[in-house]
């Protein structure tokens, strides 16, 4: 479910550390 995927990403982004957020953004940019 794409909507759940987005919610999971938001959750990880909101509660991750700054370094984790940067890693996540880089992953998204590579997709």
PDB file of N, CA and C in Angstrom:
ATOM      1  N   UNK A   1       0.854  -1.196   0.000  1.00  0.00           N
ATOM      2  CA  UNK A   1       0.000   0.000   0.000  1.00  0.00           C
ATOM      3  C   UNK A   1       0.889   1.246   0.000  1.00  0.00           C
ATOM      4  N   UNK A   2       0.796   2.016  -1.056  1.00  0.00           N
ATOM      5  CA  UNK A   2       1.675   3.177  -1.200  1.00  0.00           C
ATOM      6  C   UNK A   2       1.435   4.199  -0.091  1.00  0.00           C
ATOM      7  N   UNK A   3       0.167   4.366   0.313  1.00  0.00           N
ATOM      8  CA  UNK A   3      -0.155   5.342   1.355  1.00  0.00           C
ATOM      9  C   UNK A   3       0.535   4.965   2.664  1.00  0.00           C
ATOM     10  N   UNK A   4       0.520   3.683   3.001  1.00  0.00           N
ATOM     11  CA  UNK A   4       1.197   3.226   4.217  1.00  0.00           C
ATOM     12  C   UNK A   4       2.685   3.471   4.111  1.00  0.00           C
ATOM     13  N   UNK A   5       3.237   3.269   2.917  1.00  0.00           N
ATOM     14  CA  UNK A   5       4.663   3.498   2.696  1.00  0.00           C
ATOM     15  C   UNK A   5       5.008   4.954   2.993  1.00  0.00           C
ATOM     16  N   UNK A   6       4.174   5.862   2.516  1.00  0.00           N
ATOM     17  CA  UNK A   6       4.405   7.292   2.755  1.00  0.00           C
ATOM     18  C   UNK A   6       4.324   7.594   4.248  1.00  0.00           C
ATOM     19  N   UNK A   7       3.332   7.023   4.931  1.00  0.00           N
ATOM     20  CA  UNK A   7       3.186   7.253   6.368  1.00  0.00           C
ATOM     21  C   UNK A   7       4.415   6.750   7.110  1.00  0.00           C
ATOM     22  N   UNK A   8       4.920   5.585   6.721  1.00  0.00           N
ATOM     23  CA  UNK A   8       6.109   5.030   7.371  1.00  0.00           C
ATOM     24  C   UNK A   8       7.294   5.948   7.158  1.00  0.00           C
ATOM     25  N   UNK A   9       7.430   6.487   5.950  1.00  0.00           N
ATOM     26  CA  UNK A   9       8.533   7.405   5.655  1.00  0.00           C
ATOM     27  C   UNK A   9       8.412   8.661   6.511  1.00  0.00           C
ATOM     28  N   UNK A  10       7.193   9.181   6.635  1.00  0.00           N
ATOM     29  CA  UNK A  10       6.985  10.376   7.449  1.00  0.00           C
ATOM     30  C   UNK A  10       7.361  10.090   8.895  1.00  0.00           C
ATOM     31  N   UNK A  11       6.951   8.927   9.393  1.00  0.00           N
ATOM     32  CA  UNK A  11       7.243   8.560  10.775  1.00  0.00           C
ATOM     33  C   UNK A  11       8.744   8.487  11.003  1.00  0.00           C
ATOM     34  N   UNK A  12       9.449   7.801  10.107  1.00  0.00           N
ATOM     35  CA  UNK A  12      10.897   7.666  10.259  1.00  0.00           C
ATOM     36  C   UNK A  12      11.574   9.019  10.143  1.00  0.00           C
ATOM     37  N   UNK A  13      11.064   9.857   9.233  1.00  0.00           N
ATOM     38  CA  UNK A  13      11.674  11.171   9.045  1.00  0.00           C
ATOM     39  C   UNK A  13      11.469  12.039  10.286  1.00  0.00           C
ATOM     40  N   UNK A  14      10.265  11.996  10.845  1.00  0.00           N
ATOM     41  CA  UNK A  14       9.950  12.847  11.992  1.00  0.00           C
ATOM     42  C   UNK A  14      10.684  12.423  13.257  1.00  0.00           C
ATOM     43  N   UNK A  15      10.918  11.121  13.405  1.00  0.00           N
ATOM     44  CA  UNK A  15      11.487  10.638  14.656  1.00  0.00           C
ATOM     45  C   UNK A  15      12.935  10.185  14.531  1.00  0.00           C
ATOM     46  N   UNK A  16      13.505  10.338  13.340  1.00  0.00           N
ATOM     47  CA  UNK A  16      14.901   9.949  13.155  1.00  0.00           C
ATOM     48  C   UNK A  16      15.846  11.046  13.627  1.00  0.00           C
ATOM     49  N   UNK A  17      17.121  10.714  13.709  1.00  0.00           N
ATOM     50  CA  UNK A  17      18.128  11.721  14.037  1.00  0.00           C
ATOM     51  C   UNK A  17      18.458  12.504  12.775  1.00  0.00           C
ATOM     52  N   UNK A  18      19.050  13.690  12.909  1.00  0.00           N
ATOM     53  CA  UNK A  18      19.394  14.494  11.724  1.00  0.00           C
ATOM     54  C   UNK A  18      20.218  13.714  10.708  1.00  0.00           C
ATOM     55  N   UNK A  19      21.168  12.916  11.167  1.00  0.00           N
ATOM     56  CA  UNK A  19      22.001  12.164  10.223  1.00  0.00           C
ATOM     57  C   UNK A  19      21.160  11.125   9.494  1.00  0.00           C
ATOM     58  N   UNK A  20      20.205  10.520  10.206  1.00  0.00           N
ATOM     59  CA  UNK A  20      19.333   9.532   9.571  1.00  0.00           C
ATOM     60  C   UNK A  20      18.446  10.206   8.532  1.00  0.00           C
ATOM     61  N   UNK A  21      18.007  11.427   8.827  1.00  0.00           N
ATOM     62  CA  UNK A  21      17.171  12.155   7.873  1.00  0.00           C
ATOM     63  C   UNK A  21      17.941  12.415   6.589  1.00  0.00           C
ATOM     64  N   UNK A  22      19.207  12.797   6.720  1.00  0.00           N
ATOM     65  CA  UNK A  22      20.019  13.060   5.533  1.00  0.00           C
ATOM     66  C   UNK A  22      20.190  11.791   4.723  1.00  0.00           C
ATOM     67  N   UNK A  23      20.421  10.668   5.399  1.00  0.00           N
ATOM     68  CA  UNK A  23      20.568   9.388   4.692  1.00  0.00           C
ATOM     69  C   UNK A  23      19.282   9.051   3.956  1.00  0.00           C
ATOM     70  N   UNK A  24      18.142   9.271   4.624  1.00  0.00           N
ATOM     71  CA  UNK A  24      16.851   8.962   4.016  1.00  0.00           C
ATOM     72  C   UNK A  24      16.618   9.833   2.788  1.00  0.00           C
ATOM     73  N   UNK A  25      16.933  11.120   2.899  1.00  0.00           N
ATOM     74  CA  UNK A  25      16.743  12.022   1.762  1.00  0.00           C
ATOM     75  C   UNK A  25      17.608  11.595   0.589  1.00  0.00           C
ATOM     76  N   UNK A  26      18.832  11.166   0.877  1.00  0.00           N
ATOM     77  CA  UNK A  26      19.716  10.718  -0.203  1.00  0.00           C
ATOM     78  C   UNK A  26      19.139   9.489  -0.878  1.00  0.00           C
ATOM     79  N   UNK A  27      18.578   8.574  -0.089  1.00  0.00           N
ATOM     80  CA  UNK A  27      17.971   7.361  -0.659  1.00  0.00           C
ATOM     81  C   UNK A  27      16.818   7.748  -1.567  1.00  0.00           C
ATOM     82  N   UNK A  28      15.973   8.674  -1.117  1.00  0.00           N
ATOM     83  CA  UNK A  28      14.828   9.095  -1.913  1.00  0.00           C
ATOM     84  C   UNK A  28      15.286   9.724  -3.217  1.00  0.00           C
ATOM     85  N   UNK A  29      16.350  10.508  -3.155  1.00  0.00           N
ATOM     86  CA  UNK A  29      16.843  11.185  -4.359  1.00  0.00           C
ATOM     87  C   UNK A  29      17.395  10.180  -5.363  1.00  0.00           C
ATOM     88  N   UNK A  30      17.905   9.067  -4.869  1.00  0.00           N
ATOM     89  CA  UNK A  30      18.472   8.063  -5.768  1.00  0.00           C
ATOM     90  C   UNK A  30      17.391   7.255  -6.463  1.00  0.00           C
ATOM     91  N   UNK A  31      16.212   7.168  -5.847  1.00  0.00           N
ATOM     92  CA  UNK A  31      15.126   6.365  -6.425  1.00  0.00           C
ATOM     93  C   UNK A  31      14.660   6.964  -7.748  1.00  0.00           C
TER      94      UNK A  31
END
